[in-house]
Every structure is written in C-alpha cells, then in structure tokens.
Amino acid sequence: MLRTLSTAATVLASLAATVAPAAAAPSPPWPLGKMLIDVVSANGSGCPIGTADATVSPDNKAFTVTYSAFTAQVGAGAKPLDFRKNCQLALNVDVPQGYTFAIARTDYRGFAHLERGASATQSSTYYFQGEFQTHRTRHDFTGPADGDWQRSDTIGISSLSFLPCGEQRFLNVNTELRVNGGWSDRRKTTSLLTMDSTDGNLDTVYHVAWKKC
C-alpha cells in the first residue's frame, strides 16, 4: 500500500512539472526597438555643412558616421591650412525605453597617400554631453604609403561609459586629421590623409554595448 501511494505521488509530481507554466524567456541583450540617430551640429574644417551623416545598422548593434569632405594634405596644390582638418559632431541618439548604451569599439577607416619622409596622424575623442570621462585615441602613419587603412579601438568592459538611464544627452565626437610633409619634396608631390567615404566603404563604425536600465 505504501509503495502504491509513493508511486502515485511520483506520477502526480511529474504531471505537475509538465503543466507548470514555462519560465519567462530572458530579455534580449539589445533592444528590439530601433535606435535612432541624428547629426545635430557639425563644426570644423573637416565637415562643412551637409558633408557628415550618421546611420544605425539594421541589427541595432552599431552606427556609422560618414564624411564626404574630410581630407588633410600638404604639398603641391595644397593650401597652407590644409595640413590639419577637424570635425566636431554633436549626435542626438534616441534609444528604446528601458535601455542605455556605451561605445564598445570603434573602427576608423580612410585612405592615405604619404610620400617618403611624410607622416600623418588621426586622433579622436568622444564623450556624452556634460560628462568628464572622455575616450581618446590616436593613430600614426608614416610614408611611403598609398592605400586604404583601418584602425580599431576596443574599450574594456570595466571602462565602458554608459549614458545615464533616462537622460537625453548628445554624444560629442571630435576627430582630427593632420599631415606633416617632413623631408618629402612638397614642391612636386602631395601627401594626404582622408576619411572621405563617397562609396560607403570608408565609414567610421561605432559598435554599441547595450545595458538594461
């Protein structure tokens, strides 16, 4: 009799586990709603009005910044101030409710033509409006060089700077290109560094880390 009762109890427990409601599915690591981005302002010699744009990737995991007039150069045909170009962007990033984000990795891409003896640098800073924490990067190039380039920066998890939940702040991005002619023959040759992306292949890509609020 006791054995029969024990067997019945086991069957009932099994049935109860079968009909128990399934646990709620975990929330996705990134929002299902669309992230929106807009260039609020663009200032600097590297981004005249209408030459900088920003778009969000279809998977919501990155956004790209595209320049179409961002070239620093020295030498034949260059103006005295062309050796340095900069662009300060204020980006209005609208994220789905319940989430916030940080920049986790940036892929900078461009084209370089540097004569032997010339050099160049690409530097960038970005930060949320009103925040003191600023991420800075710098990449150096030396001639001779002639071709596309890409440099990537990854931020460690412990160093991620997230937009405070529920707050609307611009993301400020400041990028500079600088070319030094060095001992190249600047009367006959031209050295340049550019981040122009007229064909869409040289965009700057900002990869996003999401966090639930």
N, C-alpha and C. Protein backbone atom coordinates (compact mmCIF):
# COMPACT_ATOMS: atom_id res chain seq x y z
N MET A 1 0.83 -1.21 0.00
CA MET A 1 0.00 0.00 0.00
C MET A 1 0.86 1.26 0.00
N LEU A 2 1.89 1.28 0.86
CA LEU A 2 2.77 2.42 0.94
C LEU A 2 3.52 2.62 -0.37
N ARG A 3 3.88 1.45 -0.98
CA ARG A 3 4.59 1.55 -2.26
C ARG A 3 3.69 2.13 -3.34
N THR A 4 2.40 1.78 -3.31
CA THR A 4 1.45 2.30 -4.28
C THR A 4 1.26 3.80 -4.13
N LEU A 5 1.15 4.27 -2.87
CA LEU A 5 0.99 5.70 -2.61
C LEU A 5 2.21 6.48 -3.07
N SER A 6 3.40 5.91 -2.85
CA SER A 6 4.63 6.58 -3.26
C SER A 6 4.70 6.72 -4.77
N THR A 7 4.29 5.66 -5.48
CA THR A 7 4.29 5.70 -6.94
C THR A 7 3.33 6.74 -7.47
N ALA A 8 2.13 6.81 -6.83
CA ALA A 8 1.13 7.79 -7.25
C ALA A 8 1.63 9.21 -7.05
N ALA A 9 2.32 9.44 -5.93
CA ALA A 9 2.84 10.77 -5.65
C ALA A 9 3.88 11.17 -6.69
N THR A 10 4.69 10.21 -7.10
CA THR A 10 5.72 10.50 -8.10
C THR A 10 5.09 10.88 -9.43
N VAL A 11 4.01 10.17 -9.82
CA VAL A 11 3.31 10.45 -11.07
C VAL A 11 2.69 11.83 -11.03
N LEU A 12 2.05 12.17 -9.88
CA LEU A 12 1.43 13.49 -9.75
C LEU A 12 2.46 14.61 -9.84
N ALA A 13 3.61 14.40 -9.20
CA ALA A 13 4.65 15.42 -9.26
C ALA A 13 5.15 15.61 -10.68
N SER A 14 5.25 14.49 -11.40
CA SER A 14 5.69 14.58 -12.79
C SER A 14 4.69 15.34 -13.64
N LEU A 15 3.39 15.07 -13.42
CA LEU A 15 2.35 15.77 -14.16
C LEU A 15 2.35 17.26 -13.84
N ALA A 16 2.55 17.59 -12.56
CA ALA A 16 2.57 18.99 -12.15
C ALA A 16 3.71 19.74 -12.83
N ALA A 17 4.88 19.06 -12.95
CA ALA A 17 6.00 19.71 -13.61
C ALA A 17 5.73 19.92 -15.08
N THR A 18 4.95 18.98 -15.66
CA THR A 18 4.65 19.08 -17.08
C THR A 18 3.73 20.24 -17.39
N VAL A 19 2.73 20.47 -16.55
CA VAL A 19 1.75 21.51 -16.81
C VAL A 19 2.13 22.85 -16.21
N ALA A 20 3.22 22.90 -15.42
CA ALA A 20 3.65 24.18 -14.82
C ALA A 20 4.01 25.17 -15.92
N PRO A 21 3.67 26.46 -15.75
CA PRO A 21 3.98 27.45 -16.79
C PRO A 21 5.49 27.57 -17.02
N ALA A 22 5.87 27.73 -18.26
CA ALA A 22 7.28 27.85 -18.59
C ALA A 22 7.83 29.17 -18.06
N ALA A 23 9.11 29.13 -17.69
CA ALA A 23 9.75 30.35 -17.19
C ALA A 23 9.78 31.39 -18.31
N ALA A 24 9.65 32.66 -17.94
CA ALA A 24 9.67 33.73 -18.93
C ALA A 24 10.99 33.74 -19.66
N ALA A 25 10.95 33.94 -20.97
CA ALA A 25 12.16 33.98 -21.77
C ALA A 25 13.01 35.18 -21.38
N PRO A 26 14.33 35.01 -21.29
CA PRO A 26 15.19 36.14 -20.90
C PRO A 26 15.11 37.26 -21.92
N SER A 27 15.25 38.48 -21.44
CA SER A 27 15.22 39.64 -22.33
C SER A 27 16.44 39.60 -23.25
N PRO A 28 16.31 40.05 -24.49
CA PRO A 28 17.46 40.06 -25.40
C PRO A 28 18.52 41.04 -24.90
N PRO A 29 19.80 40.78 -25.22
CA PRO A 29 20.88 41.67 -24.74
C PRO A 29 20.85 43.05 -25.38
N TRP A 30 20.03 43.23 -26.40
CA TRP A 30 19.88 44.54 -27.01
C TRP A 30 18.40 44.77 -27.29
N PRO A 31 17.95 46.02 -27.36
CA PRO A 31 16.52 46.29 -27.52
C PRO A 31 16.00 45.88 -28.89
N LEU A 32 14.72 45.51 -28.91
CA LEU A 32 14.08 45.16 -30.17
C LEU A 32 13.64 46.43 -30.91
N GLY A 33 13.36 47.48 -30.14
CA GLY A 33 13.00 48.76 -30.75
C GLY A 33 14.21 49.38 -31.45
N LYS A 34 13.95 50.24 -32.41
CA LYS A 34 15.01 50.81 -33.23
C LYS A 34 15.71 51.98 -32.56
N MET A 35 17.03 51.95 -32.60
CA MET A 35 17.84 53.07 -32.18
C MET A 35 17.81 54.13 -33.29
N LEU A 36 17.67 55.39 -32.92
CA LEU A 36 17.63 56.48 -33.88
C LEU A 36 18.79 57.43 -33.62
N ILE A 37 19.34 58.00 -34.69
CA ILE A 37 20.48 58.90 -34.53
C ILE A 37 20.38 60.04 -35.54
N ASP A 38 20.82 61.21 -35.10
CA ASP A 38 20.73 62.38 -35.96
C ASP A 38 21.92 63.30 -35.67
N VAL A 39 22.49 63.89 -36.72
CA VAL A 39 23.56 64.86 -36.55
C VAL A 39 22.94 66.22 -36.23
N VAL A 40 23.08 66.65 -34.99
CA VAL A 40 22.50 67.91 -34.55
C VAL A 40 23.34 69.09 -35.03
N SER A 41 24.65 68.95 -34.94
CA SER A 41 25.54 70.01 -35.41
C SER A 41 26.85 69.42 -35.89
N ALA A 42 27.46 70.09 -36.86
CA ALA A 42 28.76 69.69 -37.38
C ALA A 42 29.60 70.94 -37.57
N ASN A 43 30.72 71.00 -36.89
CA ASN A 43 31.57 72.18 -36.95
C ASN A 43 33.01 71.78 -37.21
N GLY A 44 33.69 72.55 -38.03
CA GLY A 44 35.09 72.30 -38.30
C GLY A 44 35.40 72.26 -39.78
N SER A 45 36.69 72.40 -40.09
CA SER A 45 37.12 72.44 -41.48
C SER A 45 36.97 71.09 -42.18
N GLY A 46 36.82 70.02 -41.40
CA GLY A 46 36.71 68.70 -42.00
C GLY A 46 35.29 68.27 -42.29
N CYS A 47 34.31 69.05 -41.89
CA CYS A 47 32.92 68.67 -42.15
C CYS A 47 32.06 69.91 -42.41
N PRO A 48 32.25 70.55 -43.56
CA PRO A 48 31.35 71.66 -43.93
C PRO A 48 29.90 71.19 -43.90
N ILE A 49 28.98 72.13 -43.85
CA ILE A 49 27.55 71.81 -43.74
C ILE A 49 27.14 70.81 -44.81
N GLY A 50 26.46 69.75 -44.36
CA GLY A 50 25.94 68.75 -45.28
C GLY A 50 26.91 67.67 -45.70
N THR A 51 28.12 67.64 -45.10
CA THR A 51 29.11 66.64 -45.52
C THR A 51 29.35 65.55 -44.48
N ALA A 52 28.56 65.51 -43.42
CA ALA A 52 28.68 64.45 -42.41
C ALA A 52 27.29 63.88 -42.13
N ASP A 53 27.22 62.58 -42.01
CA ASP A 53 25.94 61.92 -41.79
C ASP A 53 26.15 60.73 -40.86
N ALA A 54 25.07 60.28 -40.20
CA ALA A 54 25.13 59.13 -39.30
C ALA A 54 23.93 58.24 -39.53
N THR A 55 24.14 56.92 -39.52
CA THR A 55 23.07 55.94 -39.71
C THR A 55 23.27 54.78 -38.76
N VAL A 56 22.15 54.14 -38.39
CA VAL A 56 22.17 52.99 -37.50
C VAL A 56 22.14 51.71 -38.33
N SER A 57 22.90 50.70 -37.91
CA SER A 57 22.93 49.44 -38.62
C SER A 57 21.59 48.71 -38.44
N PRO A 58 21.21 47.84 -39.38
CA PRO A 58 19.93 47.13 -39.29
C PRO A 58 19.79 46.28 -38.03
N ASP A 59 20.90 45.76 -37.50
CA ASP A 59 20.82 44.87 -36.33
C ASP A 59 20.88 45.63 -35.01
N ASN A 60 20.93 46.97 -35.05
CA ASN A 60 20.89 47.79 -33.83
C ASN A 60 22.17 47.68 -32.99
N LYS A 61 23.24 47.14 -33.56
CA LYS A 61 24.44 46.91 -32.78
C LYS A 61 25.55 47.91 -33.07
N ALA A 62 25.32 48.84 -33.99
CA ALA A 62 26.35 49.80 -34.35
C ALA A 62 25.72 50.97 -35.09
N PHE A 63 26.47 52.05 -35.17
CA PHE A 63 26.08 53.14 -36.06
C PHE A 63 27.32 53.64 -36.78
N THR A 64 27.12 54.20 -37.95
CA THR A 64 28.25 54.65 -38.76
C THR A 64 28.18 56.16 -38.95
N VAL A 65 29.35 56.76 -39.04
CA VAL A 65 29.48 58.18 -39.37
C VAL A 65 30.20 58.27 -40.71
N THR A 66 29.62 59.00 -41.64
CA THR A 66 30.16 59.13 -42.98
C THR A 66 30.55 60.57 -43.26
N TYR A 67 31.78 60.77 -43.74
CA TYR A 67 32.26 62.10 -44.13
C TYR A 67 32.44 62.13 -45.65
N SER A 68 32.27 63.31 -46.22
CA SER A 68 32.48 63.42 -47.67
C SER A 68 33.37 64.60 -48.05
N ALA A 69 33.97 65.27 -47.07
CA ALA A 69 34.88 66.38 -47.37
C ALA A 69 35.96 66.49 -46.30
N PHE A 70 36.49 65.34 -45.88
CA PHE A 70 37.39 65.30 -44.73
C PHE A 70 38.77 64.81 -45.19
N THR A 71 39.60 65.74 -45.67
CA THR A 71 40.93 65.41 -46.18
C THR A 71 41.94 66.45 -45.73
N ALA A 72 43.03 65.98 -45.12
CA ALA A 72 44.15 66.85 -44.77
C ALA A 72 45.29 66.55 -45.74
N GLN A 73 46.00 67.60 -46.19
CA GLN A 73 47.05 67.38 -47.17
C GLN A 73 48.09 68.49 -47.11
N VAL A 74 49.28 68.15 -47.61
CA VAL A 74 50.37 69.12 -47.74
C VAL A 74 51.06 68.87 -49.07
N GLY A 75 51.72 69.91 -49.58
CA GLY A 75 52.48 69.76 -50.82
C GLY A 75 51.86 70.48 -51.98
N ALA A 76 52.19 70.03 -53.18
CA ALA A 76 51.74 70.69 -54.41
C ALA A 76 50.21 70.74 -54.47
N GLY A 77 49.68 71.94 -54.66
CA GLY A 77 48.24 72.12 -54.77
C GLY A 77 47.50 72.30 -53.46
N ALA A 78 48.17 72.10 -52.34
CA ALA A 78 47.52 72.24 -51.03
C ALA A 78 47.63 73.67 -50.53
N LYS A 79 46.61 74.11 -49.81
CA LYS A 79 46.62 75.43 -49.19
C LYS A 79 47.36 75.36 -47.85
N PRO A 80 47.83 76.51 -47.33
CA PRO A 80 48.64 76.50 -46.10
C PRO A 80 47.95 75.83 -44.91
N LEU A 81 46.62 75.98 -44.80
CA LEU A 81 45.92 75.42 -43.64
C LEU A 81 45.36 74.02 -43.88
N ASP A 82 45.61 73.46 -45.05
CA ASP A 82 45.07 72.13 -45.36
C ASP A 82 45.77 71.01 -44.61
N PHE A 83 46.91 71.30 -43.96
CA PHE A 83 47.65 70.23 -43.28
C PHE A 83 46.86 69.66 -42.10
N ARG A 84 45.88 70.43 -41.59
CA ARG A 84 45.08 69.97 -40.44
C ARG A 84 43.62 70.19 -40.74
N LYS A 85 42.82 69.15 -40.54
CA LYS A 85 41.36 69.25 -40.66
C LYS A 85 40.73 68.58 -39.43
N ASN A 86 39.67 69.21 -38.93
CA ASN A 86 38.99 68.62 -37.76
C ASN A 86 37.48 68.71 -37.94
N CYS A 87 36.78 67.88 -37.20
CA CYS A 87 35.32 67.88 -37.25
C CYS A 87 34.75 67.55 -35.87
N GLN A 88 33.91 68.44 -35.38
CA GLN A 88 33.22 68.24 -34.10
C GLN A 88 31.75 67.98 -34.38
N LEU A 89 31.29 66.77 -34.06
CA LEU A 89 29.90 66.38 -34.27
C LEU A 89 29.16 66.27 -32.95
N ALA A 90 27.92 66.75 -32.93
CA ALA A 90 27.02 66.51 -31.81
C ALA A 90 25.92 65.57 -32.33
N LEU A 91 25.86 64.37 -31.78
CA LEU A 91 24.92 63.36 -32.25
C LEU A 91 23.80 63.18 -31.23
N ASN A 92 22.57 63.28 -31.69
CA ASN A 92 21.42 63.02 -30.85
C ASN A 92 21.03 61.56 -31.03
N VAL A 93 21.26 60.75 -30.00
CA VAL A 93 20.99 59.31 -30.08
C VAL A 93 19.77 59.00 -29.22
N ASP A 94 18.73 58.48 -29.86
CA ASP A 94 17.49 58.15 -29.19
C ASP A 94 17.41 56.63 -29.05
N VAL A 95 17.43 56.12 -27.81
CA VAL A 95 17.43 54.67 -27.59
C VAL A 95 16.06 54.22 -27.08
N PRO A 96 15.70 52.96 -27.34
CA PRO A 96 14.41 52.44 -26.87
C PRO A 96 14.30 52.50 -25.35
N GLN A 97 13.09 52.68 -24.87
CA GLN A 97 12.84 52.81 -23.43
C GLN A 97 13.32 51.56 -22.70
N GLY A 98 13.95 51.78 -21.55
CA GLY A 98 14.41 50.66 -20.72
C GLY A 98 15.83 50.24 -20.99
N TYR A 99 16.51 50.91 -21.93
CA TYR A 99 17.89 50.54 -22.26
C TYR A 99 18.78 51.78 -22.29
N THR A 100 20.07 51.54 -22.13
CA THR A 100 21.06 52.57 -22.33
C THR A 100 22.24 51.96 -23.07
N PHE A 101 23.20 52.77 -23.50
CA PHE A 101 24.28 52.25 -24.33
C PHE A 101 25.61 52.92 -24.03
N ALA A 102 26.67 52.27 -24.49
CA ALA A 102 28.02 52.82 -24.44
C ALA A 102 28.72 52.42 -25.74
N ILE A 103 29.78 53.14 -26.07
CA ILE A 103 30.60 52.78 -27.23
C ILE A 103 31.61 51.72 -26.78
N ALA A 104 31.57 50.54 -27.42
CA ALA A 104 32.45 49.44 -27.02
C ALA A 104 33.66 49.30 -27.93
N ARG A 105 33.50 49.62 -29.21
CA ARG A 105 34.60 49.52 -30.16
C ARG A 105 34.36 50.49 -31.31
N THR A 106 35.45 51.04 -31.82
CA THR A 106 35.35 51.95 -32.97
C THR A 106 36.30 51.49 -34.05
N ASP A 107 35.79 51.43 -35.28
CA ASP A 107 36.60 51.11 -36.45
C ASP A 107 36.74 52.38 -37.30
N TYR A 108 37.94 52.93 -37.34
CA TYR A 108 38.22 54.11 -38.16
C TYR A 108 38.79 53.64 -39.50
N ARG A 109 38.29 54.21 -40.59
CA ARG A 109 38.75 53.80 -41.91
C ARG A 109 38.96 55.03 -42.80
N GLY A 110 39.93 54.91 -43.69
CA GLY A 110 40.22 56.02 -44.59
C GLY A 110 41.22 55.61 -45.65
N PHE A 111 41.81 56.62 -46.27
CA PHE A 111 42.80 56.41 -47.32
C PHE A 111 44.00 57.30 -47.05
N ALA A 112 45.19 56.78 -47.30
CA ALA A 112 46.41 57.55 -47.08
C ALA A 112 47.31 57.49 -48.32
N HIS A 113 47.80 58.65 -48.71
CA HIS A 113 48.88 58.71 -49.70
C HIS A 113 49.95 59.60 -49.09
N LEU A 114 51.02 58.96 -48.64
CA LEU A 114 52.10 59.69 -47.99
C LEU A 114 53.41 59.42 -48.73
N GLU A 115 54.07 60.49 -49.14
CA GLU A 115 55.36 60.36 -49.79
C GLU A 115 56.42 59.97 -48.76
N ARG A 116 57.51 59.44 -49.25
CA ARG A 116 58.61 59.08 -48.35
C ARG A 116 59.07 60.34 -47.60
N GLY A 117 59.16 60.23 -46.28
CA GLY A 117 59.55 61.37 -45.45
C GLY A 117 58.38 62.08 -44.82
N ALA A 118 57.15 61.82 -45.31
CA ALA A 118 55.94 62.45 -44.74
C ALA A 118 55.33 61.56 -43.66
N SER A 119 54.51 62.14 -42.82
CA SER A 119 53.81 61.39 -41.77
C SER A 119 52.45 62.01 -41.54
N ALA A 120 51.61 61.30 -40.79
CA ALA A 120 50.26 61.81 -40.53
C ALA A 120 49.74 61.19 -39.25
N THR A 121 48.70 61.83 -38.68
CA THR A 121 48.03 61.29 -37.50
C THR A 121 46.52 61.46 -37.66
N GLN A 122 45.81 60.50 -37.10
CA GLN A 122 44.35 60.58 -36.97
C GLN A 122 44.05 60.43 -35.49
N SER A 123 43.35 61.39 -34.92
CA SER A 123 43.01 61.33 -33.50
C SER A 123 41.53 61.62 -33.31
N SER A 124 40.99 61.11 -32.21
CA SER A 124 39.56 61.26 -31.97
C SER A 124 39.26 61.23 -30.48
N THR A 125 38.25 61.98 -30.10
CA THR A 125 37.71 61.92 -28.74
C THR A 125 36.20 61.84 -28.84
N TYR A 126 35.58 61.18 -27.88
CA TYR A 126 34.12 61.21 -27.81
C TYR A 126 33.67 61.06 -26.37
N TYR A 127 32.54 61.69 -26.08
CA TYR A 127 32.03 61.73 -24.71
C TYR A 127 30.57 62.18 -24.74
N PHE A 128 29.83 61.83 -23.71
CA PHE A 128 28.45 62.30 -23.59
C PHE A 128 28.45 63.72 -23.02
N GLN A 129 27.57 64.53 -23.52
CA GLN A 129 27.45 65.93 -23.09
C GLN A 129 27.35 66.00 -21.56
N GLY A 130 28.20 66.84 -20.97
CA GLY A 130 28.17 67.03 -19.53
C GLY A 130 28.98 66.03 -18.74
N GLU A 131 29.60 65.05 -19.39
CA GLU A 131 30.39 64.04 -18.69
C GLU A 131 31.87 64.40 -18.76
N PHE A 132 32.60 64.02 -17.70
CA PHE A 132 34.02 64.31 -17.66
C PHE A 132 34.86 63.20 -18.28
N GLN A 133 34.31 61.99 -18.32
CA GLN A 133 35.05 60.87 -18.88
C GLN A 133 35.09 60.96 -20.40
N THR A 134 36.29 61.10 -20.94
CA THR A 134 36.47 61.24 -22.38
C THR A 134 37.37 60.13 -22.90
N HIS A 135 36.95 59.50 -23.98
CA HIS A 135 37.78 58.46 -24.58
C HIS A 135 38.60 59.07 -25.71
N ARG A 136 39.92 58.89 -25.66
CA ARG A 136 40.81 59.49 -26.63
C ARG A 136 41.59 58.40 -27.37
N THR A 137 41.77 58.60 -28.67
CA THR A 137 42.57 57.67 -29.46
C THR A 137 43.47 58.46 -30.41
N ARG A 138 44.58 57.83 -30.79
CA ARG A 138 45.48 58.45 -31.77
C ARG A 138 46.14 57.34 -32.58
N HIS A 139 46.24 57.55 -33.89
CA HIS A 139 46.88 56.59 -34.77
C HIS A 139 47.86 57.33 -35.67
N ASP A 140 49.06 56.77 -35.79
CA ASP A 140 50.13 57.40 -36.55
C ASP A 140 50.38 56.65 -37.86
N PHE A 141 50.77 57.41 -38.89
CA PHE A 141 51.06 56.85 -40.20
C PHE A 141 52.37 57.44 -40.70
N THR A 142 53.17 56.65 -41.40
CA THR A 142 54.42 57.13 -41.96
C THR A 142 54.53 56.72 -43.42
N GLY A 143 55.15 57.60 -44.21
CA GLY A 143 55.34 57.30 -45.62
C GLY A 143 56.60 56.49 -45.86
N PRO A 144 56.67 55.81 -46.99
CA PRO A 144 55.70 55.87 -48.08
C PRO A 144 54.48 54.99 -47.80
N ALA A 145 53.32 55.46 -48.19
CA ALA A 145 52.08 54.71 -48.03
C ALA A 145 51.11 55.15 -49.11
N ASP A 146 50.34 54.20 -49.62
CA ASP A 146 49.36 54.52 -50.64
C ASP A 146 48.27 53.44 -50.65
N GLY A 147 47.15 53.71 -49.97
CA GLY A 147 46.08 52.73 -49.93
C GLY A 147 45.11 52.96 -48.78
N ASP A 148 44.08 52.14 -48.73
CA ASP A 148 43.10 52.23 -47.66
C ASP A 148 43.72 51.79 -46.33
N TRP A 149 43.20 52.33 -45.23
CA TRP A 149 43.66 51.95 -43.90
C TRP A 149 42.48 51.76 -42.97
N GLN A 150 42.68 50.96 -41.93
CA GLN A 150 41.68 50.79 -40.87
C GLN A 150 42.41 50.63 -39.55
N ARG A 151 41.92 51.31 -38.54
CA ARG A 151 42.43 51.19 -37.18
C ARG A 151 41.23 50.99 -36.26
N SER A 152 41.37 50.08 -35.29
CA SER A 152 40.26 49.77 -34.38
C SER A 152 40.69 49.99 -32.94
N ASP A 153 39.75 50.47 -32.13
CA ASP A 153 39.97 50.65 -30.70
C ASP A 153 38.86 49.95 -29.94
N THR A 154 39.23 49.10 -28.99
CA THR A 154 38.26 48.37 -28.18
C THR A 154 38.37 48.84 -26.73
N ILE A 155 37.25 49.07 -26.10
CA ILE A 155 37.20 49.53 -24.71
C ILE A 155 36.85 48.35 -23.81
N GLY A 156 37.61 48.16 -22.76
CA GLY A 156 37.34 47.08 -21.82
C GLY A 156 36.01 47.27 -21.11
N ILE A 157 35.42 46.16 -20.71
CA ILE A 157 34.10 46.21 -20.06
C ILE A 157 34.09 47.14 -18.86
N SER A 158 35.15 47.09 -18.08
CA SER A 158 35.19 47.92 -16.86
C SER A 158 35.34 49.40 -17.16
N SER A 159 35.70 49.74 -18.41
CA SER A 159 35.91 51.14 -18.76
C SER A 159 34.79 51.72 -19.60
N LEU A 160 33.75 50.94 -19.86
CA LEU A 160 32.64 51.43 -20.67
C LEU A 160 31.95 52.60 -19.98
N SER A 161 31.66 53.64 -20.74
CA SER A 161 30.96 54.81 -20.21
C SER A 161 29.54 54.82 -20.77
N PHE A 162 28.57 54.43 -19.94
CA PHE A 162 27.17 54.34 -20.38
C PHE A 162 26.46 55.68 -20.19
N LEU A 163 25.58 55.98 -21.12
CA LEU A 163 24.70 57.13 -20.96
C LEU A 163 23.80 56.89 -19.75
N PRO A 164 23.71 57.84 -18.81
CA PRO A 164 22.85 57.64 -17.64
C PRO A 164 21.41 57.32 -18.07
N CYS A 165 20.83 56.31 -17.45
CA CYS A 165 19.48 55.87 -17.82
C CYS A 165 18.48 57.01 -17.74
N GLY A 166 17.64 57.10 -18.75
CA GLY A 166 16.57 58.07 -18.75
C GLY A 166 16.99 59.48 -19.11
N GLU A 167 18.27 59.70 -19.38
CA GLU A 167 18.73 61.05 -19.70
C GLU A 167 18.96 61.20 -21.21
N GLN A 168 18.74 62.39 -21.70
CA GLN A 168 18.94 62.70 -23.12
C GLN A 168 20.14 63.64 -23.23
N ARG A 169 21.26 63.11 -23.67
CA ARG A 169 22.47 63.91 -23.83
C ARG A 169 23.08 63.64 -25.20
N PHE A 170 23.63 64.67 -25.79
CA PHE A 170 24.29 64.50 -27.07
C PHE A 170 25.58 63.70 -26.89
N LEU A 171 25.91 62.90 -27.89
CA LEU A 171 27.21 62.25 -27.95
C LEU A 171 28.11 63.13 -28.81
N ASN A 172 29.15 63.68 -28.20
CA ASN A 172 30.08 64.57 -28.92
C ASN A 172 31.25 63.75 -29.46
N VAL A 173 31.51 63.90 -30.75
CA VAL A 173 32.60 63.18 -31.40
C VAL A 173 33.49 64.21 -32.09
N ASN A 174 34.76 64.25 -31.71
CA ASN A 174 35.71 65.20 -32.28
C ASN A 174 36.85 64.42 -32.94
N THR A 175 37.02 64.59 -34.24
CA THR A 175 38.04 63.86 -34.99
C THR A 175 38.96 64.84 -35.70
N GLU A 176 40.25 64.52 -35.72
CA GLU A 176 41.24 65.39 -36.36
C GLU A 176 42.16 64.58 -37.26
N LEU A 177 42.47 65.13 -38.44
CA LEU A 177 43.47 64.59 -39.34
C LEU A 177 44.58 65.62 -39.48
N ARG A 178 45.83 65.15 -39.46
CA ARG A 178 46.96 66.07 -39.55
C ARG A 178 48.06 65.41 -40.38
N VAL A 179 48.61 66.16 -41.33
CA VAL A 179 49.67 65.64 -42.20
C VAL A 179 50.91 66.53 -42.07
N ASN A 180 52.06 65.87 -41.93
CA ASN A 180 53.34 66.57 -41.85
C ASN A 180 54.19 66.17 -43.06
N GLY A 181 54.57 67.15 -43.87
CA GLY A 181 55.33 66.85 -45.08
C GLY A 181 56.73 66.34 -44.82
N GLY A 182 57.30 66.64 -43.62
CA GLY A 182 58.63 66.16 -43.29
C GLY A 182 59.64 66.56 -44.34
N TRP A 183 60.51 65.60 -44.73
CA TRP A 183 61.52 65.92 -45.73
C TRP A 183 61.12 65.49 -47.15
N SER A 184 59.82 65.26 -47.35
CA SER A 184 59.34 64.97 -48.71
C SER A 184 59.43 66.24 -49.57
N ASP A 185 59.45 66.07 -50.87
CA ASP A 185 59.53 67.22 -51.78
C ASP A 185 58.13 67.80 -51.96
N ARG A 186 57.79 68.78 -51.14
CA ARG A 186 56.45 69.35 -51.15
C ARG A 186 56.19 70.27 -52.33
N ARG A 187 57.22 70.62 -53.06
CA ARG A 187 57.01 71.45 -54.25
C ARG A 187 56.47 70.63 -55.42
N LYS A 188 56.79 69.33 -55.43
CA LYS A 188 56.41 68.49 -56.56
C LYS A 188 55.40 67.40 -56.20
N THR A 189 55.30 67.05 -54.93
CA THR A 189 54.43 65.94 -54.52
C THR A 189 53.41 66.39 -53.49
N THR A 190 52.39 65.57 -53.32
CA THR A 190 51.33 65.85 -52.33
C THR A 190 51.15 64.63 -51.45
N SER A 191 51.07 64.87 -50.15
CA SER A 191 50.76 63.81 -49.19
C SER A 191 49.42 64.13 -48.55
N LEU A 192 48.60 63.10 -48.34
CA LEU A 192 47.27 63.34 -47.78
C LEU A 192 46.80 62.18 -46.92
N LEU A 193 45.90 62.51 -46.02
CA LEU A 193 45.19 61.53 -45.19
C LEU A 193 43.72 61.91 -45.22
N THR A 194 42.86 60.96 -45.55
CA THR A 194 41.44 61.29 -45.69
C THR A 194 40.57 60.23 -45.02
N MET A 195 39.38 60.68 -44.60
CA MET A 195 38.34 59.78 -44.09
C MET A 195 37.07 59.92 -44.93
N ASP A 196 37.22 60.47 -46.14
CA ASP A 196 36.07 60.58 -47.05
C ASP A 196 35.54 59.19 -47.39
N SER A 197 34.24 59.09 -47.56
CA SER A 197 33.61 57.80 -47.84
C SER A 197 32.53 57.98 -48.90
N THR A 198 32.93 58.42 -50.06
CA THR A 198 31.95 58.67 -51.12
C THR A 198 31.29 57.39 -51.61
N ASP A 199 31.98 56.24 -51.49
CA ASP A 199 31.39 54.98 -51.95
C ASP A 199 30.86 54.12 -50.81
N GLY A 200 30.90 54.64 -49.57
CA GLY A 200 30.35 53.91 -48.44
C GLY A 200 31.28 52.87 -47.85
N ASN A 201 32.51 52.76 -48.34
CA ASN A 201 33.42 51.72 -47.86
C ASN A 201 34.37 52.21 -46.77
N LEU A 202 34.39 53.51 -46.51
CA LEU A 202 35.33 54.05 -45.53
C LEU A 202 34.62 54.74 -44.38
N ASP A 203 33.44 54.27 -44.03
CA ASP A 203 32.71 54.82 -42.89
C ASP A 203 33.45 54.54 -41.59
N THR A 204 33.22 55.40 -40.60
CA THR A 204 33.67 55.13 -39.23
C THR A 204 32.53 54.40 -38.52
N VAL A 205 32.82 53.24 -37.94
CA VAL A 205 31.79 52.41 -37.33
C VAL A 205 31.96 52.40 -35.81
N TYR A 206 30.91 52.79 -35.11
CA TYR A 206 30.89 52.76 -33.65
C TYR A 206 30.02 51.59 -33.20
N HIS A 207 30.65 50.60 -32.56
CA HIS A 207 29.94 49.41 -32.10
C HIS A 207 29.39 49.68 -30.70
N VAL A 208 28.15 49.29 -30.47
CA VAL A 208 27.43 49.67 -29.26
C VAL A 208 27.31 48.50 -28.28
N ALA A 209 27.52 48.80 -27.00
CA ALA A 209 27.21 47.86 -25.91
C ALA A 209 25.92 48.30 -25.25
N TRP A 210 24.95 47.40 -25.14
CA TRP A 210 23.65 47.74 -24.56
C TRP A 210 23.58 47.28 -23.10
N LYS A 211 22.77 47.97 -22.31
CA LYS A 211 22.52 47.59 -20.92
C LYS A 211 21.10 47.95 -20.55
N LYS A 212 20.42 47.05 -19.85
CA LYS A 212 19.07 47.34 -19.39
C LYS A 212 19.13 48.30 -18.18
N CYS A 213 18.20 49.21 -18.15
CA CYS A 213 18.17 50.18 -17.04
C CYS A 213 17.48 49.55 -15.81
